[in-house]
N, C-alpha and C. Protein backbone atom coordinates (compact mmCIF):
# COMPACT_ATOMS: atom_id res chain seq x y z
N MET A 1 -73.06 34.86 37.50
CA MET A 1 -74.30 34.36 36.92
C MET A 1 -74.77 33.14 37.69
N VAL A 2 -76.03 33.13 38.08
CA VAL A 2 -76.56 32.05 38.89
C VAL A 2 -76.82 30.83 38.02
N PRO A 3 -76.28 29.64 38.39
CA PRO A 3 -76.50 28.44 37.58
C PRO A 3 -77.95 27.98 37.69
N SER A 4 -78.43 27.34 36.65
CA SER A 4 -79.79 26.82 36.65
C SER A 4 -79.87 25.59 37.55
N ASP A 5 -81.09 25.20 37.91
CA ASP A 5 -81.27 23.99 38.71
C ASP A 5 -80.74 22.76 37.97
N LYS A 6 -80.92 22.74 36.65
CA LYS A 6 -80.42 21.61 35.87
C LYS A 6 -78.91 21.54 35.93
N ALA A 7 -78.26 22.68 35.82
CA ALA A 7 -76.80 22.70 35.88
C ALA A 7 -76.30 22.24 37.25
N VAL A 8 -76.98 22.62 38.30
CA VAL A 8 -76.60 22.18 39.64
C VAL A 8 -76.69 20.66 39.74
N ALA A 9 -77.78 20.10 39.19
CA ALA A 9 -77.95 18.64 39.21
C ALA A 9 -76.87 17.95 38.38
N LEU A 10 -76.52 18.53 37.23
CA LEU A 10 -75.48 17.94 36.40
C LEU A 10 -74.12 18.01 37.09
N ARG A 11 -73.85 19.08 37.79
CA ARG A 11 -72.57 19.18 38.52
C ARG A 11 -72.49 18.14 39.62
N ALA A 12 -73.61 17.82 40.24
CA ALA A 12 -73.61 16.77 41.26
C ALA A 12 -73.27 15.42 40.63
N ARG A 13 -73.77 15.18 39.43
CA ARG A 13 -73.45 13.93 38.73
C ARG A 13 -71.99 13.94 38.27
N LEU A 14 -71.51 15.08 37.81
CA LEU A 14 -70.11 15.20 37.41
C LEU A 14 -69.17 14.90 38.58
N ALA A 15 -69.55 15.31 39.77
CA ALA A 15 -68.69 15.12 40.94
C ALA A 15 -68.43 13.66 41.23
N THR A 16 -69.34 12.78 40.83
CA THR A 16 -69.15 11.34 41.08
C THR A 16 -68.61 10.61 39.86
N ALA A 17 -68.45 11.31 38.74
CA ALA A 17 -67.96 10.67 37.51
C ALA A 17 -66.47 10.37 37.62
N ARG A 18 -66.08 9.22 37.11
CA ARG A 18 -64.68 8.79 37.14
C ARG A 18 -64.15 8.37 35.77
N LEU A 19 -65.01 7.77 34.94
CA LEU A 19 -64.57 7.19 33.68
C LEU A 19 -65.27 7.88 32.51
N TYR A 20 -64.48 8.49 31.64
CA TYR A 20 -64.96 9.33 30.54
C TYR A 20 -64.43 8.71 29.25
N LEU A 21 -65.30 8.46 28.31
CA LEU A 21 -64.93 7.85 27.04
C LEU A 21 -65.15 8.80 25.88
N CYS A 22 -64.14 8.93 25.02
CA CYS A 22 -64.29 9.61 23.74
C CYS A 22 -64.32 8.55 22.64
N VAL A 23 -65.28 8.63 21.76
CA VAL A 23 -65.45 7.61 20.73
C VAL A 23 -66.10 8.23 19.51
N ASP A 24 -65.79 7.68 18.33
CA ASP A 24 -66.45 8.14 17.12
C ASP A 24 -67.78 7.41 16.97
N SER A 25 -68.42 7.58 15.84
CA SER A 25 -69.73 6.96 15.63
C SER A 25 -69.62 5.51 15.18
N ARG A 26 -68.42 4.95 15.23
CA ARG A 26 -68.17 3.54 14.90
C ARG A 26 -68.62 3.21 13.47
N PRO A 27 -68.29 4.05 12.47
CA PRO A 27 -68.76 3.78 11.11
C PRO A 27 -68.19 2.49 10.52
N GLU A 28 -66.97 2.15 10.90
CA GLU A 28 -66.37 0.92 10.36
C GLU A 28 -66.99 -0.32 10.97
N GLN A 29 -67.24 -0.27 12.28
CA GLN A 29 -67.78 -1.43 12.97
C GLN A 29 -69.29 -1.56 12.78
N GLY A 30 -69.99 -0.44 12.66
CA GLY A 30 -71.44 -0.46 12.50
C GLY A 30 -72.19 -0.97 13.71
N ASP A 31 -71.62 -0.76 14.89
CA ASP A 31 -72.20 -1.34 16.11
C ASP A 31 -72.41 -0.30 17.21
N LEU A 32 -72.66 0.96 16.82
CA LEU A 32 -72.68 2.04 17.81
C LEU A 32 -73.65 1.79 18.98
N PRO A 33 -74.93 1.46 18.77
CA PRO A 33 -75.82 1.27 19.91
C PRO A 33 -75.35 0.14 20.83
N GLU A 34 -74.90 -0.96 20.24
CA GLU A 34 -74.45 -2.10 21.04
C GLU A 34 -73.18 -1.76 21.82
N PHE A 35 -72.26 -1.06 21.15
CA PHE A 35 -71.02 -0.68 21.83
C PHE A 35 -71.30 0.26 23.00
N LEU A 36 -72.15 1.26 22.78
CA LEU A 36 -72.46 2.20 23.86
C LEU A 36 -73.13 1.49 25.03
N ASP A 37 -74.05 0.58 24.75
CA ASP A 37 -74.69 -0.16 25.84
C ASP A 37 -73.65 -0.98 26.62
N ALA A 38 -72.68 -1.55 25.91
CA ALA A 38 -71.67 -2.38 26.57
C ALA A 38 -70.80 -1.55 27.52
N VAL A 39 -70.30 -0.41 27.05
CA VAL A 39 -69.39 0.36 27.89
C VAL A 39 -70.12 1.13 28.99
N LEU A 40 -71.31 1.62 28.67
CA LEU A 40 -72.06 2.37 29.68
C LEU A 40 -72.55 1.45 30.79
N SER A 41 -72.97 0.24 30.44
CA SER A 41 -73.37 -0.70 31.48
C SER A 41 -72.17 -1.19 32.28
N GLY A 42 -70.97 -1.06 31.70
CA GLY A 42 -69.76 -1.46 32.39
C GLY A 42 -69.20 -0.42 33.33
N GLY A 43 -69.69 0.81 33.27
CA GLY A 43 -69.23 1.81 34.23
C GLY A 43 -68.78 3.14 33.68
N VAL A 44 -68.88 3.36 32.36
CA VAL A 44 -68.54 4.67 31.81
C VAL A 44 -69.57 5.69 32.30
N ASP A 45 -69.06 6.81 32.81
CA ASP A 45 -69.92 7.85 33.38
C ASP A 45 -70.25 8.96 32.40
N ILE A 46 -69.31 9.23 31.49
CA ILE A 46 -69.47 10.30 30.50
C ILE A 46 -69.01 9.76 29.17
N VAL A 47 -69.76 10.03 28.12
CA VAL A 47 -69.35 9.62 26.78
C VAL A 47 -69.43 10.83 25.85
N GLN A 48 -68.37 10.98 25.07
CA GLN A 48 -68.27 12.11 24.14
C GLN A 48 -68.09 11.61 22.72
N LEU A 49 -68.87 12.15 21.80
CA LEU A 49 -68.67 11.89 20.38
C LEU A 49 -67.52 12.76 19.90
N ARG A 50 -66.48 12.11 19.41
CA ARG A 50 -65.35 12.86 18.84
C ARG A 50 -65.05 12.29 17.47
N GLU A 51 -65.42 13.03 16.46
CA GLU A 51 -65.23 12.57 15.09
C GLU A 51 -64.93 13.77 14.21
N LYS A 52 -63.66 13.98 13.93
CA LYS A 52 -63.24 15.13 13.15
C LYS A 52 -63.76 15.05 11.72
N GLY A 53 -64.17 16.19 11.18
CA GLY A 53 -64.57 16.27 9.79
C GLY A 53 -66.00 15.87 9.51
N ILE A 54 -66.73 15.49 10.53
CA ILE A 54 -68.12 15.08 10.34
C ILE A 54 -68.99 16.32 10.16
N GLU A 55 -69.96 16.26 9.26
CA GLU A 55 -70.87 17.37 9.06
C GLU A 55 -71.89 17.44 10.19
N ALA A 56 -72.44 18.62 10.43
CA ALA A 56 -73.35 18.82 11.55
C ALA A 56 -74.55 17.89 11.49
N LYS A 57 -75.10 17.69 10.30
CA LYS A 57 -76.28 16.82 10.17
C LYS A 57 -75.94 15.39 10.58
N GLN A 58 -74.77 14.90 10.14
CA GLN A 58 -74.34 13.56 10.52
C GLN A 58 -74.06 13.47 12.02
N GLU A 59 -73.45 14.52 12.56
CA GLU A 59 -73.13 14.52 13.98
C GLU A 59 -74.40 14.48 14.82
N LEU A 60 -75.40 15.26 14.42
CA LEU A 60 -76.65 15.27 15.17
C LEU A 60 -77.36 13.92 15.10
N ALA A 61 -77.28 13.27 13.95
CA ALA A 61 -77.89 11.95 13.83
C ALA A 61 -77.20 10.95 14.76
N ALA A 62 -75.88 10.98 14.81
CA ALA A 62 -75.15 10.09 15.72
C ALA A 62 -75.45 10.43 17.17
N LEU A 63 -75.56 11.71 17.47
CA LEU A 63 -75.81 12.12 18.85
C LEU A 63 -77.18 11.69 19.34
N GLU A 64 -78.13 11.48 18.45
CA GLU A 64 -79.40 10.92 18.88
C GLU A 64 -79.20 9.52 19.48
N VAL A 65 -78.32 8.75 18.89
CA VAL A 65 -78.00 7.42 19.41
C VAL A 65 -77.27 7.54 20.75
N PHE A 66 -76.33 8.46 20.82
CA PHE A 66 -75.59 8.70 22.07
C PHE A 66 -76.54 9.15 23.18
N ARG A 67 -77.43 10.09 22.85
CA ARG A 67 -78.35 10.63 23.86
C ARG A 67 -79.25 9.52 24.41
N ALA A 68 -79.77 8.69 23.53
CA ALA A 68 -80.64 7.61 23.96
C ALA A 68 -79.90 6.62 24.86
N ALA A 69 -78.66 6.30 24.50
CA ALA A 69 -77.87 5.37 25.31
C ALA A 69 -77.55 5.97 26.67
N CYS A 70 -77.17 7.23 26.69
CA CYS A 70 -76.87 7.89 27.98
C CYS A 70 -78.10 7.92 28.88
N ASP A 71 -79.26 8.19 28.29
CA ASP A 71 -80.49 8.21 29.07
C ASP A 71 -80.81 6.82 29.63
N ARG A 72 -80.55 5.78 28.84
CA ARG A 72 -80.81 4.42 29.32
C ARG A 72 -79.95 4.06 30.51
N HIS A 73 -78.73 4.59 30.55
CA HIS A 73 -77.76 4.16 31.56
C HIS A 73 -77.44 5.24 32.60
N GLY A 74 -78.10 6.38 32.54
CA GLY A 74 -77.86 7.43 33.52
C GLY A 74 -76.49 8.08 33.39
N ALA A 75 -75.97 8.15 32.17
CA ALA A 75 -74.66 8.74 31.93
C ALA A 75 -74.79 10.15 31.36
N LEU A 76 -73.69 10.88 31.36
CA LEU A 76 -73.65 12.24 30.83
C LEU A 76 -73.16 12.23 29.39
N LEU A 77 -73.76 13.06 28.55
CA LEU A 77 -73.39 13.17 27.15
C LEU A 77 -72.61 14.45 26.92
N ALA A 78 -71.42 14.31 26.31
CA ALA A 78 -70.58 15.46 26.00
C ALA A 78 -70.44 15.61 24.49
N VAL A 79 -70.37 16.85 24.04
CA VAL A 79 -70.13 17.17 22.64
C VAL A 79 -68.82 17.94 22.55
N ASN A 80 -68.02 17.61 21.56
CA ASN A 80 -66.71 18.20 21.38
C ASN A 80 -66.79 19.44 20.48
N ASP A 81 -66.27 20.56 20.96
CA ASP A 81 -66.02 21.77 20.16
C ASP A 81 -67.25 22.61 19.79
N ARG A 82 -68.32 21.99 19.29
CA ARG A 82 -69.40 22.70 18.63
C ARG A 82 -70.52 23.07 19.59
N ALA A 83 -70.57 24.35 19.98
CA ALA A 83 -71.61 24.81 20.88
C ALA A 83 -72.99 24.70 20.25
N ASP A 84 -73.10 24.99 18.95
CA ASP A 84 -74.40 24.92 18.29
C ASP A 84 -74.92 23.49 18.24
N VAL A 85 -74.03 22.56 17.95
CA VAL A 85 -74.43 21.15 17.91
C VAL A 85 -74.79 20.66 19.30
N ALA A 86 -74.00 21.04 20.30
CA ALA A 86 -74.29 20.63 21.67
C ALA A 86 -75.66 21.10 22.11
N PHE A 87 -76.00 22.34 21.81
CA PHE A 87 -77.31 22.89 22.17
C PHE A 87 -78.42 22.15 21.46
N THR A 88 -78.27 21.94 20.17
CA THR A 88 -79.30 21.29 19.38
C THR A 88 -79.52 19.85 19.81
N ALA A 89 -78.43 19.16 20.18
CA ALA A 89 -78.50 17.76 20.56
C ALA A 89 -78.98 17.55 22.00
N GLY A 90 -79.09 18.62 22.77
CA GLY A 90 -79.48 18.48 24.16
C GLY A 90 -78.41 17.80 25.00
N ALA A 91 -77.14 18.13 24.72
CA ALA A 91 -76.03 17.54 25.45
C ALA A 91 -76.00 18.05 26.89
N ASP A 92 -75.31 17.32 27.73
CA ASP A 92 -75.10 17.73 29.13
C ASP A 92 -73.84 18.57 29.28
N ILE A 93 -72.88 18.34 28.36
CA ILE A 93 -71.55 18.94 28.47
C ILE A 93 -71.09 19.41 27.10
N LEU A 94 -70.47 20.58 27.05
CA LEU A 94 -69.72 21.03 25.89
C LEU A 94 -68.25 21.04 26.28
N HIS A 95 -67.42 20.31 25.54
CA HIS A 95 -65.99 20.28 25.85
C HIS A 95 -65.23 21.13 24.85
N LEU A 96 -64.41 22.05 25.35
CA LEU A 96 -63.69 23.02 24.52
C LEU A 96 -62.19 22.85 24.65
N GLY A 97 -61.50 22.86 23.52
CA GLY A 97 -60.05 22.88 23.52
C GLY A 97 -59.52 24.29 23.67
N GLN A 98 -58.21 24.41 23.76
CA GLN A 98 -57.60 25.72 23.95
C GLN A 98 -57.82 26.66 22.76
N ASP A 99 -58.01 26.10 21.57
CA ASP A 99 -58.17 26.92 20.37
C ASP A 99 -59.61 26.97 19.88
N ASP A 100 -60.54 26.47 20.67
CA ASP A 100 -61.94 26.48 20.28
C ASP A 100 -62.60 27.80 20.67
N LEU A 101 -63.90 27.84 20.52
CA LEU A 101 -64.69 29.03 20.86
C LEU A 101 -64.40 29.46 22.30
N PRO A 102 -64.20 30.75 22.56
CA PRO A 102 -63.99 31.20 23.94
C PRO A 102 -65.17 30.80 24.83
N VAL A 103 -64.88 30.51 26.07
CA VAL A 103 -65.91 30.03 26.99
C VAL A 103 -67.09 31.00 27.10
N PRO A 104 -66.88 32.31 27.27
CA PRO A 104 -68.04 33.21 27.38
C PRO A 104 -68.93 33.18 26.14
N ALA A 105 -68.32 33.09 24.96
CA ALA A 105 -69.12 33.02 23.73
C ALA A 105 -69.90 31.72 23.67
N ALA A 106 -69.26 30.62 24.07
CA ALA A 106 -69.95 29.33 24.09
C ALA A 106 -71.13 29.37 25.06
N ARG A 107 -70.94 29.99 26.19
CA ARG A 107 -72.01 30.07 27.19
C ARG A 107 -73.21 30.83 26.64
N ARG A 108 -72.97 31.85 25.86
CA ARG A 108 -74.09 32.60 25.29
C ARG A 108 -74.91 31.73 24.34
N ILE A 109 -74.26 30.79 23.70
CA ILE A 109 -74.96 29.91 22.76
C ILE A 109 -75.71 28.79 23.48
N ILE A 110 -75.06 28.16 24.46
CA ILE A 110 -75.64 26.97 25.08
C ILE A 110 -76.56 27.27 26.25
N GLY A 111 -76.51 28.50 26.76
CA GLY A 111 -77.35 28.82 27.91
C GLY A 111 -76.75 28.34 29.23
N GLN A 112 -77.58 28.34 30.27
CA GLN A 112 -77.08 28.06 31.62
C GLN A 112 -77.27 26.62 32.07
N ASP A 113 -77.90 25.79 31.24
CA ASP A 113 -78.20 24.43 31.68
C ASP A 113 -77.06 23.44 31.43
N MET A 114 -76.11 23.79 30.59
CA MET A 114 -75.07 22.85 30.17
C MET A 114 -73.75 23.12 30.89
N LEU A 115 -73.01 22.04 31.16
CA LEU A 115 -71.68 22.16 31.75
C LEU A 115 -70.65 22.42 30.65
N ILE A 116 -69.51 22.98 31.04
CA ILE A 116 -68.42 23.25 30.10
C ILE A 116 -67.14 22.62 30.64
N GLY A 117 -66.48 21.86 29.78
CA GLY A 117 -65.17 21.30 30.09
C GLY A 117 -64.10 21.98 29.27
N ARG A 118 -62.85 21.84 29.73
CA ARG A 118 -61.74 22.54 29.10
C ARG A 118 -60.54 21.59 28.99
N SER A 119 -59.86 21.60 27.84
CA SER A 119 -58.62 20.84 27.68
C SER A 119 -57.44 21.66 28.18
N THR A 120 -56.49 21.00 28.84
CA THR A 120 -55.26 21.66 29.26
C THR A 120 -54.08 20.76 28.92
N HIS A 121 -52.93 21.39 28.60
CA HIS A 121 -51.78 20.64 28.14
C HIS A 121 -50.50 20.99 28.89
N GLY A 122 -50.59 21.79 29.92
CA GLY A 122 -49.41 22.16 30.69
C GLY A 122 -49.82 22.74 32.03
N VAL A 123 -48.84 22.95 32.89
CA VAL A 123 -49.12 23.44 34.24
C VAL A 123 -49.80 24.79 34.19
N ASP A 124 -49.36 25.68 33.29
CA ASP A 124 -49.96 27.01 33.22
C ASP A 124 -51.43 26.94 32.83
N GLN A 125 -51.76 26.04 31.91
CA GLN A 125 -53.15 25.90 31.50
C GLN A 125 -54.00 25.24 32.58
N VAL A 126 -53.40 24.33 33.33
CA VAL A 126 -54.11 23.75 34.48
C VAL A 126 -54.47 24.84 35.48
N GLU A 127 -53.51 25.70 35.77
CA GLU A 127 -53.76 26.80 36.72
C GLU A 127 -54.85 27.74 36.20
N ALA A 128 -54.84 28.01 34.90
CA ALA A 128 -55.85 28.90 34.32
C ALA A 128 -57.23 28.25 34.36
N ALA A 129 -57.31 26.96 34.04
CA ALA A 129 -58.61 26.27 34.02
C ALA A 129 -59.21 26.17 35.41
N GLU A 130 -58.36 26.14 36.41
CA GLU A 130 -58.85 26.02 37.78
C GLU A 130 -59.63 27.25 38.21
N THR A 131 -59.35 28.40 37.60
CA THR A 131 -60.02 29.63 38.02
C THR A 131 -60.87 30.26 36.92
N GLU A 132 -60.84 29.69 35.71
CA GLU A 132 -61.57 30.29 34.59
C GLU A 132 -63.08 30.24 34.84
N ALA A 133 -63.72 31.38 34.70
CA ALA A 133 -65.16 31.47 34.92
C ALA A 133 -65.91 30.57 33.94
N GLU A 134 -66.97 29.94 34.42
CA GLU A 134 -67.88 29.12 33.62
C GLU A 134 -67.34 27.73 33.30
N VAL A 135 -66.12 27.40 33.70
CA VAL A 135 -65.56 26.07 33.46
C VAL A 135 -65.93 25.16 34.63
N ASP A 136 -66.46 23.97 34.31
CA ASP A 136 -66.90 23.04 35.35
C ASP A 136 -65.90 21.94 35.64
N TYR A 137 -65.09 21.57 34.65
CA TYR A 137 -64.04 20.57 34.85
C TYR A 137 -63.00 20.78 33.78
N PHE A 138 -61.85 20.13 33.93
CA PHE A 138 -60.85 20.20 32.87
C PHE A 138 -60.15 18.86 32.72
N ALA A 139 -59.60 18.64 31.52
CA ALA A 139 -58.83 17.45 31.22
C ALA A 139 -57.36 17.82 31.16
N VAL A 140 -56.49 16.92 31.60
CA VAL A 140 -55.05 17.19 31.72
C VAL A 140 -54.29 16.17 30.88
N GLY A 141 -53.55 16.66 29.87
CA GLY A 141 -52.78 15.72 29.09
C GLY A 141 -52.42 16.27 27.71
N PRO A 142 -52.03 15.40 26.79
CA PRO A 142 -51.94 13.96 26.93
C PRO A 142 -50.78 13.53 27.84
N VAL A 143 -51.08 12.66 28.78
CA VAL A 143 -50.05 12.19 29.70
C VAL A 143 -48.98 11.41 28.94
N TRP A 144 -49.44 10.51 28.07
CA TRP A 144 -48.55 9.74 27.19
C TRP A 144 -48.89 10.05 25.74
N PRO A 145 -47.96 9.82 24.81
CA PRO A 145 -48.28 10.03 23.39
C PRO A 145 -49.48 9.18 22.99
N THR A 146 -50.31 9.72 22.12
CA THR A 146 -51.50 8.99 21.70
C THR A 146 -51.77 9.21 20.23
N ALA A 147 -52.19 8.14 19.56
CA ALA A 147 -52.48 8.23 18.13
C ALA A 147 -53.70 9.07 17.85
N THR A 148 -54.54 9.31 18.86
CA THR A 148 -55.74 10.12 18.63
C THR A 148 -55.41 11.61 18.55
N LYS A 149 -54.20 12.00 18.96
CA LYS A 149 -53.75 13.38 18.85
C LYS A 149 -52.37 13.41 18.20
N PRO A 150 -52.27 13.03 16.91
CA PRO A 150 -50.97 12.98 16.25
C PRO A 150 -50.33 14.37 16.19
N GLY A 151 -49.03 14.39 16.46
CA GLY A 151 -48.31 15.65 16.42
C GLY A 151 -48.30 16.43 17.71
N ARG A 152 -49.13 16.03 18.67
CA ARG A 152 -49.12 16.73 19.95
C ARG A 152 -48.22 15.99 20.92
N PRO A 153 -47.16 16.64 21.41
CA PRO A 153 -46.26 15.96 22.34
C PRO A 153 -46.94 15.65 23.66
N ALA A 154 -46.47 14.60 24.29
CA ALA A 154 -47.02 14.24 25.60
C ALA A 154 -46.71 15.33 26.61
N ALA A 155 -47.67 15.62 27.45
CA ALA A 155 -47.47 16.62 28.50
C ALA A 155 -46.73 16.04 29.70
N GLY A 156 -46.77 14.71 29.83
CA GLY A 156 -46.07 14.08 30.93
C GLY A 156 -46.81 14.20 32.24
N PHE A 157 -46.07 14.00 33.33
CA PHE A 157 -46.68 13.93 34.66
C PHE A 157 -46.81 15.28 35.36
N ALA A 158 -46.06 16.29 34.93
CA ALA A 158 -46.06 17.57 35.67
C ALA A 158 -47.45 18.19 35.77
N PRO A 159 -48.23 18.28 34.69
CA PRO A 159 -49.58 18.85 34.83
C PRO A 159 -50.49 18.01 35.71
N VAL A 160 -50.30 16.68 35.67
CA VAL A 160 -51.09 15.80 36.53
C VAL A 160 -50.78 16.07 38.00
N ARG A 161 -49.50 16.19 38.30
CA ARG A 161 -49.11 16.51 39.68
C ARG A 161 -49.69 17.85 40.11
N ALA A 162 -49.62 18.85 39.23
CA ALA A 162 -50.13 20.17 39.57
C ALA A 162 -51.63 20.12 39.85
N ALA A 163 -52.36 19.40 39.02
CA ALA A 163 -53.80 19.29 39.23
C ALA A 163 -54.11 18.55 40.53
N ALA A 164 -53.38 17.47 40.79
CA ALA A 164 -53.62 16.68 42.00
C ALA A 164 -53.35 17.50 43.26
N GLU A 165 -52.39 18.41 43.19
CA GLU A 165 -52.01 19.18 44.37
C GLU A 165 -52.90 20.39 44.61
N THR A 166 -53.44 20.98 43.53
CA THR A 166 -54.11 22.27 43.70
C THR A 166 -55.57 22.32 43.27
N ALA A 167 -56.01 21.39 42.44
CA ALA A 167 -57.34 21.53 41.83
C ALA A 167 -58.46 21.40 42.84
N ARG A 168 -59.44 22.28 42.71
CA ARG A 168 -60.68 22.19 43.50
C ARG A 168 -61.84 21.78 42.61
N ARG A 169 -61.66 21.92 41.30
CA ARG A 169 -62.67 21.46 40.35
C ARG A 169 -62.37 20.02 39.94
N PRO A 170 -63.38 19.30 39.48
CA PRO A 170 -63.11 17.97 38.92
C PRO A 170 -62.14 18.06 37.74
N TRP A 171 -61.25 17.10 37.63
CA TRP A 171 -60.33 17.05 36.49
C TRP A 171 -60.06 15.59 36.12
N PHE A 172 -59.75 15.40 34.84
CA PHE A 172 -59.55 14.07 34.29
C PHE A 172 -58.19 14.01 33.61
N ALA A 173 -57.41 13.00 33.91
CA ALA A 173 -56.19 12.75 33.15
C ALA A 173 -56.57 12.12 31.82
N ILE A 174 -55.83 12.45 30.76
CA ILE A 174 -56.16 11.98 29.42
C ILE A 174 -54.88 11.73 28.64
N GLY A 175 -54.95 10.77 27.71
CA GLY A 175 -53.84 10.58 26.79
C GLY A 175 -53.09 9.28 26.97
N GLY A 176 -53.42 8.27 26.16
CA GLY A 176 -52.69 7.01 26.19
C GLY A 176 -52.91 6.17 27.43
N ILE A 177 -54.02 6.37 28.11
CA ILE A 177 -54.27 5.69 29.39
C ILE A 177 -54.97 4.36 29.14
N ASP A 178 -54.51 3.33 29.85
CA ASP A 178 -55.17 2.02 29.80
C ASP A 178 -54.98 1.34 31.15
N GLY A 179 -55.46 0.12 31.24
CA GLY A 179 -55.37 -0.59 32.51
C GLY A 179 -53.95 -0.84 32.97
N GLY A 180 -53.02 -0.91 32.03
CA GLY A 180 -51.64 -1.18 32.39
C GLY A 180 -50.92 -0.01 33.04
N ASN A 181 -51.19 1.21 32.58
CA ASN A 181 -50.48 2.37 33.15
C ASN A 181 -51.34 3.17 34.13
N LEU A 182 -52.60 2.79 34.29
CA LEU A 182 -53.46 3.51 35.23
C LEU A 182 -52.89 3.57 36.64
N PRO A 183 -52.27 2.49 37.18
CA PRO A 183 -51.72 2.59 38.54
C PRO A 183 -50.74 3.74 38.73
N GLU A 184 -49.96 4.08 37.70
CA GLU A 184 -49.03 5.20 37.82
C GLU A 184 -49.78 6.51 38.06
N LEU A 185 -50.90 6.68 37.37
CA LEU A 185 -51.69 7.90 37.54
C LEU A 185 -52.35 7.94 38.91
N LEU A 186 -52.83 6.81 39.37
CA LEU A 186 -53.46 6.77 40.69
C LEU A 186 -52.45 7.15 41.77
N GLU A 187 -51.20 6.71 41.60
CA GLU A 187 -50.16 7.06 42.57
C GLU A 187 -49.88 8.57 42.57
N LEU A 188 -50.07 9.21 41.43
CA LEU A 188 -49.85 10.66 41.33
C LEU A 188 -51.02 11.46 41.88
N GLY A 189 -52.14 10.79 42.15
CA GLY A 189 -53.30 11.49 42.71
C GLY A 189 -54.45 11.66 41.76
N ALA A 190 -54.35 11.12 40.54
CA ALA A 190 -55.48 11.18 39.62
C ALA A 190 -56.59 10.25 40.09
N THR A 191 -57.82 10.69 39.96
CA THR A 191 -58.97 9.86 40.34
C THR A 191 -59.98 9.73 39.22
N ARG A 192 -59.76 10.46 38.11
CA ARG A 192 -60.66 10.44 36.97
C ARG A 192 -59.83 10.36 35.70
N ILE A 193 -60.32 9.61 34.71
CA ILE A 193 -59.56 9.47 33.47
C ILE A 193 -60.49 9.56 32.26
N VAL A 194 -59.89 9.99 31.13
CA VAL A 194 -60.52 9.92 29.82
C VAL A 194 -59.78 8.85 29.03
N VAL A 195 -60.52 7.96 28.39
CA VAL A 195 -59.91 6.93 27.58
C VAL A 195 -60.53 6.90 26.19
N VAL A 196 -59.78 6.31 25.27
CA VAL A 196 -60.30 6.07 23.92
C VAL A 196 -60.05 4.60 23.59
N ARG A 197 -58.83 4.29 23.16
CA ARG A 197 -58.54 2.94 22.67
C ARG A 197 -58.64 1.87 23.74
N ALA A 198 -58.49 2.24 25.01
CA ALA A 198 -58.61 1.25 26.08
C ALA A 198 -59.98 0.57 26.05
N LEU A 199 -60.98 1.26 25.49
CA LEU A 199 -62.30 0.67 25.35
C LEU A 199 -62.66 0.40 23.89
N THR A 200 -62.33 1.33 22.98
CA THR A 200 -62.75 1.15 21.59
C THR A 200 -62.05 -0.01 20.92
N GLU A 201 -60.85 -0.37 21.40
CA GLU A 201 -60.11 -1.48 20.80
C GLU A 201 -60.07 -2.70 21.70
N ALA A 202 -60.82 -2.68 22.78
CA ALA A 202 -60.83 -3.81 23.71
C ALA A 202 -61.58 -4.99 23.10
N PRO A 203 -61.08 -6.22 23.28
CA PRO A 203 -61.81 -7.40 22.80
C PRO A 203 -63.20 -7.52 23.44
N ASP A 204 -63.30 -7.13 24.69
CA ASP A 204 -64.57 -7.15 25.42
C ASP A 204 -64.76 -5.77 26.05
N PRO A 205 -65.39 -4.82 25.34
CA PRO A 205 -65.51 -3.45 25.87
C PRO A 205 -66.22 -3.38 27.22
N HIS A 206 -67.22 -4.20 27.45
CA HIS A 206 -67.93 -4.18 28.72
C HIS A 206 -66.99 -4.54 29.86
N LYS A 207 -66.25 -5.64 29.71
CA LYS A 207 -65.33 -6.06 30.77
C LYS A 207 -64.23 -5.03 30.98
N ALA A 208 -63.72 -4.45 29.88
CA ALA A 208 -62.68 -3.43 30.01
C ALA A 208 -63.19 -2.23 30.80
N ALA A 209 -64.44 -1.83 30.55
CA ALA A 209 -65.02 -0.72 31.30
C ALA A 209 -65.20 -1.09 32.77
N VAL A 210 -65.67 -2.29 33.04
CA VAL A 210 -65.83 -2.75 34.41
C VAL A 210 -64.50 -2.69 35.15
N ASP A 211 -63.45 -3.19 34.51
CA ASP A 211 -62.14 -3.24 35.17
C ASP A 211 -61.59 -1.84 35.43
N LEU A 212 -61.71 -0.94 34.46
CA LEU A 212 -61.23 0.42 34.66
C LEU A 212 -62.00 1.13 35.76
N ARG A 213 -63.32 0.99 35.73
CA ARG A 213 -64.14 1.68 36.73
C ARG A 213 -63.89 1.13 38.13
N ALA A 214 -63.64 -0.17 38.23
CA ALA A 214 -63.34 -0.75 39.53
C ALA A 214 -61.99 -0.23 40.05
N ALA A 215 -61.01 -0.07 39.16
CA ALA A 215 -59.71 0.45 39.58
C ALA A 215 -59.81 1.89 40.05
N LEU A 216 -60.74 2.63 39.46
CA LEU A 216 -60.92 4.05 39.84
C LEU A 216 -61.76 4.20 41.10
N GLY A 217 -62.48 3.15 41.47
CA GLY A 217 -63.36 3.22 42.65
C GLY A 217 -64.78 3.56 42.25
N GLY A 218 -65.69 3.28 43.12
CA GLY A 218 -67.08 3.59 42.85
C GLY A 218 -67.78 2.46 42.13
N ARG A 219 -68.83 2.82 41.39
CA ARG A 219 -69.70 1.80 40.83
C ARG A 219 -68.98 0.97 39.77
N ALA A 220 -69.33 -0.26 39.72
CA ALA A 220 -68.87 -1.17 38.67
C ALA A 220 -69.86 -2.31 38.62
N SER A 221 -70.10 -2.84 37.43
CA SER A 221 -71.05 -3.94 37.30
C SER A 221 -70.36 -5.14 36.71
N ALA A 222 -70.90 -6.30 36.94
CA ALA A 222 -70.27 -7.53 36.44
C ALA A 222 -70.65 -7.76 34.99
């Protein structure tokens, strides 16, 4: 299937992306627009709303804030799991886990303009994601145990090594990553990461984003 011009342009932006943030709608803090401006201006390339149990109407309302912030800063917007919500919200990316909607079914819902990401948790899944039709990038992990995925054992370094050695598609290491352990991943060949608490719990989210993006290379702002 021939990709649309929009999808080609989005893939070009994905190719330069290094820092990917998953975050909820910040209901406790009540600072979603300000937080998004802080991290996106600091160097986050992709931001995904991840909030389990949220109703579609609430998710779409939050995604309006995400979409506006991404447009202000030239970042990509990802939606987790829900192809219908991603389409309605005008997302750039739909991210699918191993147990979510099959990729071909998701593609029928979202059309040809949106990118699709895939979660992987082991070497075999990394190998599958590298060749799976319609997949534009994949995430590898969790590298370390993480409170955002309770009950899921850490995948460790083996899938990261496999991706670094063989992957031709963009891929992101994920799971318990912060500024302290990032050098270990860089030594293994990772060049892109997904973070959560490294930014959501940072005293200064803007500075934390700047520091992470500078460590990964490419753009960073003061």
